[in-house]
Structures are given as C-alpha cells and as structure tokens.
Amino acid sequence: MSYARQELGADAAPATMSLSSAISSPSVKTVSGIALVYHGYKRTGSIFGALIYGLAGRLVPVVAVPVAMAQGFGEKKACP
C-alpha cells in the first residue's frame, strides 16, 4: 500500500453509530423536544404544559415519545 492511500485512510472502516448512541444524540433529543412541545401545547392548551412536555422530550426521549404516542400525539386531553 502506498503512503498516499494510507494517509487518506483508504483502509479505515466506515464509522457506524450504534442505536443507543443515535437515540442519545443531540439532534434526536432536539427533534424530540420540539415535537413534544407541540404535543404538550395541543394536549394541555397552555404554554407551561408545552414546556414541561418539551423538557421531558429533551431529557428522556426514549420514554417521553412513546408516552406521547400512547396519549394520541397532539390530541386534546379527555375531560373526566
């Protein structure tokens, strides 16, 4: 192998990302937070509720997104 090929990293394995590191990436957390701000506002009708949902989406997207889907994403909260 020539020095030029070695310098360019021709034999380097392609970088792959595991599922756990992909879920905990900042971009996924940001998108989750934004989506849950929308869900929280539609569900509660208040800015405070939207921010709480968004914070949960940003901090624990693995839990918050499935909970939002189970609640019916963007649907109003059923009154008792």
C-alpha atoms as a PDB file:
ATOM      1  CA  MET A   1       0.000   0.000   0.000  1.00  0.00           C
ATOM      2  CA  SER A   2       1.302   3.422  -0.833  1.00  0.00           C
ATOM      3  CA  TYR A   3       1.845   6.159   1.687  1.00  0.00           C
ATOM      4  CA  ALA A   4      -0.783   8.391  -0.008  1.00  0.00           C
ATOM      5  CA  ARG A   5      -3.534   5.781   0.361  1.00  0.00           C
ATOM      6  CA  GLN A   6      -2.642   5.228   3.983  1.00  0.00           C
ATOM      7  CA  GLU A   7      -2.684   8.961   4.678  1.00  0.00           C
ATOM      8  CA  LEU A   8      -6.180   9.345   3.203  1.00  0.00           C
ATOM      9  CA  GLY A   9      -7.496   6.500   5.334  1.00  0.00           C
ATOM     10  CA  ALA A  10      -8.486   4.257   2.437  1.00  0.00           C
ATOM     11  CA  ASP A  11      -8.309   1.165   4.644  1.00  0.00           C
ATOM     12  CA  ALA A  12     -10.219   2.701   7.536  1.00  0.00           C
ATOM     13  CA  ALA A  13     -13.520   1.073   8.385  1.00  0.00           C
ATOM     14  CA  PRO A  14     -16.579   3.276   7.841  1.00  0.00           C
ATOM     15  CA  ALA A  15     -17.832   4.913  11.006  1.00  0.00           C
ATOM     16  CA  THR A  16     -21.075   3.390  12.249  1.00  0.00           C
ATOM     17  CA  MET A  17     -23.329   4.578  15.019  1.00  0.00           C
ATOM     18  CA  SER A  18     -24.992   2.225  17.454  1.00  0.00           C
ATOM     19  CA  LEU A  19     -28.709   2.534  18.146  1.00  0.00           C
ATOM     20  CA  SER A  20     -28.197   3.730  21.704  1.00  0.00           C
ATOM     21  CA  SER A  21     -25.775   6.462  20.642  1.00  0.00           C
ATOM     22  CA  ALA A  22     -28.120   7.502  17.814  1.00  0.00           C
ATOM     23  CA  ILE A  23     -31.048   7.860  20.227  1.00  0.00           C
ATOM     24  CA  SER A  24     -28.972   9.845  22.687  1.00  0.00           C
ATOM     25  CA  SER A  25     -27.560  12.163  20.005  1.00  0.00           C
ATOM     26  CA  PRO A  26     -28.233  15.887  20.426  1.00  0.00           C
ATOM     27  CA  SER A  27     -30.154  16.129  17.156  1.00  0.00           C
ATOM     28  CA  VAL A  28     -32.595  13.371  18.122  1.00  0.00           C
ATOM     29  CA  LYS A  29     -33.096  14.956  21.543  1.00  0.00           C
ATOM     30  CA  THR A  30     -33.760  18.354  19.948  1.00  0.00           C
ATOM     31  CA  VAL A  31     -36.296  16.978  17.461  1.00  0.00           C
ATOM     32  CA  SER A  32     -37.982  15.036  20.267  1.00  0.00           C
ATOM     33  CA  GLY A  33     -38.158  18.165  22.424  1.00  0.00           C
ATOM     34  CA  ILE A  34     -39.698  20.223  19.597  1.00  0.00           C
ATOM     35  CA  ALA A  35     -42.241  17.528  18.781  1.00  0.00           C
ATOM     36  CA  LEU A  36     -43.241  17.200  22.412  1.00  0.00           C
ATOM     37  CA  VAL A  37     -43.626  20.966  22.810  1.00  0.00           C
ATOM     38  CA  TYR A  38     -46.210  20.748  20.020  1.00  0.00           C
ATOM     39  CA  HIS A  39     -47.853  17.717  21.616  1.00  0.00           C
ATOM     40  CA  GLY A  40     -47.888  19.351  25.052  1.00  0.00           C
ATOM     41  CA  TYR A  41     -49.480  22.542  23.736  1.00  0.00           C
ATOM     42  CA  LYS A  42     -52.144  20.683  21.764  1.00  0.00           C
ATOM     43  CA  ARG A  43     -52.857  18.392  24.707  1.00  0.00           C
ATOM     44  CA  THR A  44     -52.993  20.937  27.527  1.00  0.00           C
ATOM     45  CA  GLY A  45     -53.608  24.238  25.731  1.00  0.00           C
ATOM     46  CA  SER A  46     -51.038  26.034  27.883  1.00  0.00           C
ATOM     47  CA  ILE A  47     -47.510  27.226  27.280  1.00  0.00           C
ATOM     48  CA  PHE A  48     -46.387  25.864  30.655  1.00  0.00           C
ATOM     49  CA  GLY A  49     -47.665  22.385  29.791  1.00  0.00           C
ATOM     50  CA  ALA A  50     -45.952  22.592  26.413  1.00  0.00           C
ATOM     51  CA  LEU A  51     -42.634  23.474  28.040  1.00  0.00           C
ATOM     52  CA  ILE A  52     -42.924  20.620  30.535  1.00  0.00           C
ATOM     53  CA  TYR A  53     -43.603  18.140  27.731  1.00  0.00           C
ATOM     54  CA  GLY A  54     -40.733  19.611  25.705  1.00  0.00           C
ATOM     55  CA  LEU A  55     -38.355  19.329  28.628  1.00  0.00           C
ATOM     56  CA  ALA A  56     -39.319  15.695  29.097  1.00  0.00           C
ATOM     57  CA  GLY A  57     -38.782  15.091  25.385  1.00  0.00           C
ATOM     58  CA  ARG A  58     -35.351  16.677  25.516  1.00  0.00           C
ATOM     59  CA  LEU A  59     -34.176  14.871  28.664  1.00  0.00           C
ATOM     60  CA  VAL A  60     -35.684  11.383  28.213  1.00  0.00           C
ATOM     61  CA  PRO A  61     -36.819  10.902  24.603  1.00  0.00           C
ATOM     62  CA  VAL A  62     -36.806   7.120  24.988  1.00  0.00           C
ATOM     63  CA  VAL A  63     -39.676   7.358  27.485  1.00  0.00           C
ATOM     64  CA  ALA A  64     -41.421  10.601  26.532  1.00  0.00           C
ATOM     65  CA  VAL A  65     -42.017   9.891  22.841  1.00  0.00           C
ATOM     66  CA  PRO A  66     -43.748   6.516  23.383  1.00  0.00           C
ATOM     67  CA  VAL A  67     -45.873   8.066  26.148  1.00  0.00           C
ATOM     68  CA  ALA A  68     -46.917  10.885  23.812  1.00  0.00           C
ATOM     69  CA  MET A  69     -47.791   8.356  21.117  1.00  0.00           C
ATOM     70  CA  ALA A  70     -49.859   6.333  23.611  1.00  0.00           C
ATOM     71  CA  GLN A  71     -51.706   9.510  24.621  1.00  0.00           C
ATOM     72  CA  GLY A  72     -52.567  10.197  20.983  1.00  0.00           C
ATOM     73  CA  PHE A  73     -49.980  12.580  19.567  1.00  0.00           C
ATOM     74  CA  GLY A  74     -51.382  16.113  19.520  1.00  0.00           C
ATOM     75  CA  GLU A  75     -54.878  15.140  20.674  1.00  0.00           C
ATOM     76  CA  LYS A  76     -56.663  17.100  23.391  1.00  0.00           C
ATOM     77  CA  LYS A  77     -56.722  15.648  26.879  1.00  0.00           C
ATOM     78  CA  ALA A  78     -60.028  13.945  27.592  1.00  0.00           C
ATOM     79  CA  CYS A  79     -62.001  15.717  30.300  1.00  0.00           C
ATOM     80  CA  PRO A  80     -63.321  13.480  33.102  1.00  0.00           C
END
